[in-house]
């Protein structure tokens, strides 16, 4: 009877030790999990703040692009930098296409 009692005593002691270790590891696991969740929350907040700045910058760039592509801005750039302009209506060449083997004719009409 003494040997059976001894085995039960060792077994109960082992179970108690394992239960205490499980509780301790569980507590540390919960603390670690909570701190990692907190750090992820901080990262998400920083990313949301960065997203707000990027969206604001995008709006400014879209507005600047719209102003650069306005008709008046394009006309000014085309006439000033490139030397382009609307053609003089009196100096227009008309090309007539005739069916057949005759080459195309170009003429200046007044």
N, C-alpha and C. Protein backbone atom coordinates (compact mmCIF):
# COMPACT_ATOMS: atom_id res chain seq x y z
N UNK A 1 0.82 -1.17 0.00
CA UNK A 1 0.00 0.00 0.00
C UNK A 1 0.88 1.25 0.00
N UNK A 2 1.96 1.15 0.60
CA UNK A 2 2.86 2.29 0.67
C UNK A 2 3.37 2.67 -0.71
N UNK A 3 3.67 1.71 -1.59
CA UNK A 3 4.19 1.97 -2.93
C UNK A 3 3.10 2.62 -3.79
N UNK A 4 1.87 2.17 -3.67
CA UNK A 4 0.77 2.74 -4.43
C UNK A 4 0.53 4.17 -3.98
N UNK A 5 0.60 4.39 -2.69
CA UNK A 5 0.42 5.76 -2.16
C UNK A 5 1.56 6.66 -2.64
N UNK A 6 2.76 6.12 -2.74
CA UNK A 6 3.92 6.88 -3.18
C UNK A 6 3.77 7.28 -4.66
N UNK A 7 3.27 6.34 -5.47
CA UNK A 7 3.05 6.63 -6.90
C UNK A 7 2.00 7.71 -7.07
N UNK A 8 0.94 7.63 -6.33
CA UNK A 8 -0.11 8.64 -6.40
C UNK A 8 0.42 10.00 -5.95
N UNK A 9 1.26 9.99 -4.95
CA UNK A 9 1.84 11.24 -4.45
C UNK A 9 2.74 11.88 -5.50
N UNK A 10 3.59 11.08 -6.14
CA UNK A 10 4.48 11.60 -7.20
C UNK A 10 3.64 12.09 -8.39
N UNK A 11 2.63 11.33 -8.74
CA UNK A 11 1.76 11.71 -9.86
C UNK A 11 1.01 13.00 -9.56
N UNK A 12 0.47 13.14 -8.36
CA UNK A 12 -0.26 14.36 -8.02
C UNK A 12 0.70 15.55 -7.95
N UNK A 13 1.91 15.32 -7.44
CA UNK A 13 2.91 16.40 -7.39
C UNK A 13 3.27 16.84 -8.81
N UNK A 14 3.46 15.89 -9.73
CA UNK A 14 3.79 16.20 -11.12
C UNK A 14 2.65 16.97 -11.79
N UNK A 15 1.44 16.54 -11.55
CA UNK A 15 0.28 17.23 -12.13
C UNK A 15 0.18 18.65 -11.60
N UNK A 16 0.41 18.81 -10.29
CA UNK A 16 0.35 20.16 -9.69
C UNK A 16 1.43 21.06 -10.28
N UNK A 17 2.64 20.54 -10.44
CA UNK A 17 3.73 21.33 -11.01
C UNK A 17 3.41 21.70 -12.46
N UNK A 18 2.94 20.75 -13.25
CA UNK A 18 2.58 21.03 -14.64
C UNK A 18 1.44 22.04 -14.74
N UNK A 19 0.46 21.93 -13.83
CA UNK A 19 -0.65 22.89 -13.83
C UNK A 19 -0.15 24.29 -13.50
N UNK A 20 0.74 24.40 -12.52
CA UNK A 20 1.30 25.71 -12.17
C UNK A 20 2.10 26.29 -13.33
N UNK A 21 2.92 25.43 -13.98
CA UNK A 21 3.68 25.89 -15.14
C UNK A 21 2.77 26.33 -16.28
N UNK A 22 1.67 25.59 -16.49
CA UNK A 22 0.71 25.95 -17.54
C UNK A 22 0.08 27.31 -17.24
N UNK A 23 -0.27 27.54 -15.98
CA UNK A 23 -0.86 28.83 -15.58
C UNK A 23 0.16 29.95 -15.78
N UNK A 24 1.40 29.72 -15.37
CA UNK A 24 2.43 30.76 -15.51
C UNK A 24 2.70 31.06 -17.00
N UNK A 25 2.87 29.99 -17.80
CA UNK A 25 3.07 30.21 -19.24
C UNK A 25 1.85 30.87 -19.88
N UNK A 26 0.66 30.51 -19.41
CA UNK A 26 -0.55 31.14 -19.94
C UNK A 26 -0.59 32.63 -19.65
N UNK A 27 -0.21 33.00 -18.42
CA UNK A 27 -0.20 34.43 -18.05
C UNK A 27 0.82 35.18 -18.89
N UNK A 28 2.05 34.63 -19.01
CA UNK A 28 3.06 35.28 -19.83
C UNK A 28 2.65 35.33 -21.31
N UNK A 29 1.98 34.28 -21.76
CA UNK A 29 1.49 34.26 -23.14
C UNK A 29 0.46 35.35 -23.37
N UNK A 30 -0.45 35.52 -22.43
CA UNK A 30 -1.46 36.58 -22.56
C UNK A 30 -0.83 37.97 -22.55
N UNK A 31 0.16 38.16 -21.67
CA UNK A 31 0.85 39.46 -21.62
C UNK A 31 1.57 39.71 -22.93
N UNK A 32 2.26 38.69 -23.45
CA UNK A 32 2.98 38.86 -24.72
C UNK A 32 2.00 39.14 -25.86
N UNK A 33 0.89 38.41 -25.88
CA UNK A 33 -0.12 38.59 -26.93
C UNK A 33 -0.71 40.00 -26.87
N UNK A 34 -1.01 40.45 -25.69
CA UNK A 34 -1.59 41.78 -25.54
C UNK A 34 -0.60 42.87 -25.96
N UNK A 35 0.68 42.71 -25.60
CA UNK A 35 1.66 43.72 -25.99
C UNK A 35 1.90 43.70 -27.50
N UNK A 36 1.87 42.53 -28.12
CA UNK A 36 2.04 42.48 -29.57
C UNK A 36 0.83 43.07 -30.28
N UNK A 37 -0.36 42.86 -29.74
CA UNK A 37 -1.56 43.49 -30.32
C UNK A 37 -1.48 45.00 -30.19
N UNK A 38 -0.99 45.46 -29.08
CA UNK A 38 -0.84 46.91 -28.85
C UNK A 38 0.14 47.50 -29.87
N UNK A 39 1.26 46.82 -30.11
CA UNK A 39 2.25 47.33 -31.07
C UNK A 39 1.66 47.32 -32.49
N UNK A 40 0.85 46.33 -32.81
CA UNK A 40 0.20 46.30 -34.13
C UNK A 40 -0.79 47.46 -34.25
N UNK A 41 -1.49 47.78 -33.17
CA UNK A 41 -2.41 48.92 -33.18
C UNK A 41 -1.65 50.22 -33.44
N UNK A 42 -0.48 50.37 -32.82
CA UNK A 42 0.34 51.57 -33.05
C UNK A 42 0.80 51.64 -34.51
N UNK A 43 1.20 50.51 -35.06
CA UNK A 43 1.62 50.48 -36.47
C UNK A 43 0.46 50.84 -37.38
N UNK A 44 -0.72 50.32 -37.10
CA UNK A 44 -1.90 50.64 -37.91
C UNK A 44 -2.22 52.13 -37.83
N UNK A 45 -2.11 52.71 -36.64
CA UNK A 45 -2.35 54.15 -36.49
C UNK A 45 -1.35 54.96 -37.28
N UNK A 46 -0.07 54.55 -37.26
CA UNK A 46 0.95 55.28 -38.02
C UNK A 46 0.69 55.15 -39.52
N UNK A 47 0.29 53.97 -39.97
CA UNK A 47 0.00 53.77 -41.39
C UNK A 47 -1.24 54.56 -41.83
N UNK A 48 -2.24 54.65 -40.97
CA UNK A 48 -3.42 55.45 -41.30
C UNK A 48 -3.07 56.92 -41.40
N UNK A 49 -2.19 57.38 -40.52
CA UNK A 49 -1.74 58.77 -40.58
C UNK A 49 -0.97 59.02 -41.88
N UNK A 50 -0.11 58.07 -42.23
CA UNK A 50 0.64 58.20 -43.49
C UNK A 50 -0.30 58.16 -44.69
N UNK A 51 -1.33 57.32 -44.63
CA UNK A 51 -2.31 57.25 -45.71
C UNK A 51 -3.02 58.58 -45.88
N UNK A 52 -3.38 59.22 -44.76
CA UNK A 52 -4.02 60.53 -44.84
C UNK A 52 -3.12 61.56 -45.53
N UNK A 53 -1.83 61.55 -45.20
CA UNK A 53 -0.89 62.46 -45.85
C UNK A 53 -0.75 62.17 -47.33
N UNK A 54 -0.71 60.89 -47.69
CA UNK A 54 -0.57 60.51 -49.10
C UNK A 54 -1.82 60.90 -49.88
N UNK A 55 -2.99 60.69 -49.30
CA UNK A 55 -4.23 61.07 -49.98
C UNK A 55 -4.32 62.59 -50.17
N UNK A 56 -3.86 63.33 -49.17
CA UNK A 56 -3.86 64.79 -49.29
C UNK A 56 -2.90 65.22 -50.41
N UNK A 57 -1.73 64.60 -50.45
CA UNK A 57 -0.76 64.92 -51.51
C UNK A 57 -1.31 64.53 -52.87
N UNK A 58 -2.04 63.42 -52.94
CA UNK A 58 -2.64 62.98 -54.21
C UNK A 58 -3.66 64.00 -54.70
N UNK A 59 -4.47 64.52 -53.79
CA UNK A 59 -5.45 65.53 -54.18
C UNK A 59 -4.76 66.76 -54.74
N UNK A 60 -3.66 67.18 -54.09
CA UNK A 60 -2.92 68.34 -54.58
C UNK A 60 -2.33 68.07 -55.96
N UNK A 61 -1.79 66.87 -56.16
CA UNK A 61 -1.21 66.54 -57.45
C UNK A 61 -2.26 66.46 -58.55
N UNK A 62 -3.42 65.94 -58.23
CA UNK A 62 -4.51 65.87 -59.22
C UNK A 62 -4.95 67.28 -59.60
N UNK A 63 -5.04 68.18 -58.62
CA UNK A 63 -5.43 69.56 -58.91
C UNK A 63 -4.35 70.24 -59.75
N UNK A 64 -3.08 69.99 -59.44
CA UNK A 64 -2.00 70.59 -60.23
C UNK A 64 -1.99 70.03 -61.65
N UNK A 65 -2.24 68.75 -61.79
CA UNK A 65 -2.31 68.14 -63.13
C UNK A 65 -3.46 68.72 -63.93
N UNK A 66 -4.60 68.92 -63.28
CA UNK A 66 -5.75 69.50 -63.98
C UNK A 66 -5.43 70.92 -64.44
N UNK A 67 -4.72 71.68 -63.62
CA UNK A 67 -4.38 73.03 -64.04
C UNK A 67 -3.36 73.02 -65.18
N UNK A 68 -2.46 72.03 -65.18
CA UNK A 68 -1.48 71.95 -66.27
C UNK A 68 -2.11 71.52 -67.57
N UNK A 69 -3.15 70.71 -67.50
CA UNK A 69 -3.82 70.24 -68.70
C UNK A 69 -5.00 71.12 -69.11
N UNK A 70 -5.16 72.27 -68.49
CA UNK A 70 -6.25 73.15 -68.91
C UNK A 70 -5.96 73.65 -70.33
N UNK A 71 -7.01 73.97 -71.06
CA UNK A 71 -6.87 74.36 -72.47
C UNK A 71 -6.02 75.62 -72.59
N UNK A 72 -6.22 76.56 -71.73
CA UNK A 72 -5.45 77.80 -71.81
C UNK A 72 -3.96 77.52 -71.56
N UNK A 73 -3.65 76.68 -70.62
CA UNK A 73 -2.25 76.35 -70.32
C UNK A 73 -1.61 75.61 -71.49
N UNK A 74 -2.34 74.71 -72.12
CA UNK A 74 -1.82 73.97 -73.26
C UNK A 74 -1.60 74.90 -74.44
N UNK A 75 -2.54 75.80 -74.69
CA UNK A 75 -2.38 76.76 -75.79
C UNK A 75 -1.18 77.67 -75.55
N UNK A 76 -0.99 78.12 -74.32
CA UNK A 76 0.14 78.99 -74.00
C UNK A 76 1.46 78.24 -74.21
N UNK A 77 1.53 77.01 -73.76
CA UNK A 77 2.75 76.22 -73.93
C UNK A 77 3.00 75.91 -75.40
N UNK A 78 1.94 75.59 -76.14
CA UNK A 78 2.11 75.24 -77.55
C UNK A 78 2.56 76.45 -78.37
N UNK A 79 1.99 77.60 -78.11
CA UNK A 79 2.38 78.78 -78.90
C UNK A 79 3.70 79.36 -78.43
N UNK A 80 3.97 79.33 -77.12
CA UNK A 80 5.20 79.94 -76.60
C UNK A 80 6.43 79.07 -76.79
N UNK A 81 6.38 77.84 -76.32
CA UNK A 81 7.56 76.99 -76.33
C UNK A 81 7.74 76.25 -77.66
N UNK A 82 6.65 75.82 -78.26
CA UNK A 82 6.74 74.98 -79.45
C UNK A 82 6.52 75.76 -80.75
N UNK A 83 6.03 76.96 -80.64
CA UNK A 83 5.78 77.76 -81.83
C UNK A 83 4.56 77.31 -82.62
N UNK A 84 3.66 76.62 -81.98
CA UNK A 84 2.46 76.15 -82.66
C UNK A 84 1.35 77.19 -82.51
N UNK A 85 0.47 77.20 -83.46
CA UNK A 85 -0.66 78.11 -83.38
C UNK A 85 -1.75 77.65 -84.32
N UNK A 86 -2.88 78.32 -84.25
CA UNK A 86 -3.96 77.97 -85.16
C UNK A 86 -3.59 78.44 -86.56
N UNK A 87 -3.92 77.66 -87.58
CA UNK A 87 -3.54 78.04 -88.95
C UNK A 87 -4.35 79.24 -89.43
N UNK A 88 -3.73 79.98 -90.31
CA UNK A 88 -4.41 81.09 -90.96
C UNK A 88 -5.36 80.49 -91.99
N UNK A 89 -6.62 80.80 -91.90
CA UNK A 89 -7.63 80.17 -92.75
C UNK A 89 -7.46 80.54 -94.23
N UNK A 90 -6.74 81.56 -94.50
CA UNK A 90 -6.56 81.94 -95.92
C UNK A 90 -5.44 81.14 -96.56
N UNK A 91 -4.59 80.48 -95.78
CA UNK A 91 -3.47 79.74 -96.33
C UNK A 91 -3.63 78.25 -96.06
N UNK A 92 -4.74 77.69 -96.50
CA UNK A 92 -5.03 76.28 -96.29
C UNK A 92 -4.92 75.55 -97.62
N UNK A 93 -4.25 74.44 -97.63
CA UNK A 93 -4.13 73.61 -98.83
C UNK A 93 -5.23 72.55 -98.79
N UNK A 94 -5.87 72.35 -99.93
CA UNK A 94 -6.91 71.34 -100.04
C UNK A 94 -6.39 70.23 -100.93
N UNK A 95 -6.54 69.02 -100.52
CA UNK A 95 -6.11 67.86 -101.30
C UNK A 95 -7.36 67.13 -101.73
N UNK A 96 -7.49 66.95 -103.03
CA UNK A 96 -8.65 66.24 -103.55
C UNK A 96 -8.22 64.84 -103.96
N UNK A 97 -9.02 63.91 -103.64
CA UNK A 97 -8.72 62.53 -103.97
C UNK A 97 -9.60 62.12 -105.14
N UNK A 98 -8.98 61.81 -106.26
CA UNK A 98 -9.72 61.32 -107.43
C UNK A 98 -9.57 59.82 -107.51
N UNK A 99 -10.63 59.18 -107.94
CA UNK A 99 -10.56 57.74 -108.12
C UNK A 99 -9.89 57.47 -109.46
N UNK A 100 -9.02 56.54 -109.45
CA UNK A 100 -8.32 56.18 -110.68
C UNK A 100 -6.82 56.19 -110.47
N UNK A 101 -6.11 56.19 -111.58
CA UNK A 101 -4.66 56.10 -111.53
C UNK A 101 -3.98 57.44 -111.52
N UNK A 102 -4.76 58.50 -111.44
CA UNK A 102 -4.19 59.84 -111.45
C UNK A 102 -3.61 60.13 -110.07
N UNK A 103 -2.40 60.73 -110.03
CA UNK A 103 -1.85 61.06 -108.72
C UNK A 103 -2.67 62.14 -108.02
N UNK A 104 -2.47 62.26 -106.72
CA UNK A 104 -3.20 63.25 -105.94
C UNK A 104 -2.75 64.65 -106.33
N UNK A 105 -3.70 65.58 -106.30
CA UNK A 105 -3.38 66.97 -106.61
C UNK A 105 -3.52 67.82 -105.35
N UNK A 106 -2.61 68.70 -105.18
CA UNK A 106 -2.67 69.64 -104.07
C UNK A 106 -2.71 71.04 -104.67
N UNK A 107 -3.55 71.90 -104.13
CA UNK A 107 -3.68 73.24 -104.70
C UNK A 107 -3.88 74.25 -103.58
N UNK A 108 -3.52 75.46 -103.89
CA UNK A 108 -3.71 76.57 -102.97
C UNK A 108 -4.87 77.38 -103.50
N UNK A 109 -5.96 77.49 -102.71
CA UNK A 109 -7.14 78.24 -103.16
C UNK A 109 -7.25 79.52 -102.36
N UNK A 110 -7.72 80.53 -103.02
CA UNK A 110 -7.95 81.81 -102.35
C UNK A 110 -9.42 82.01 -102.10
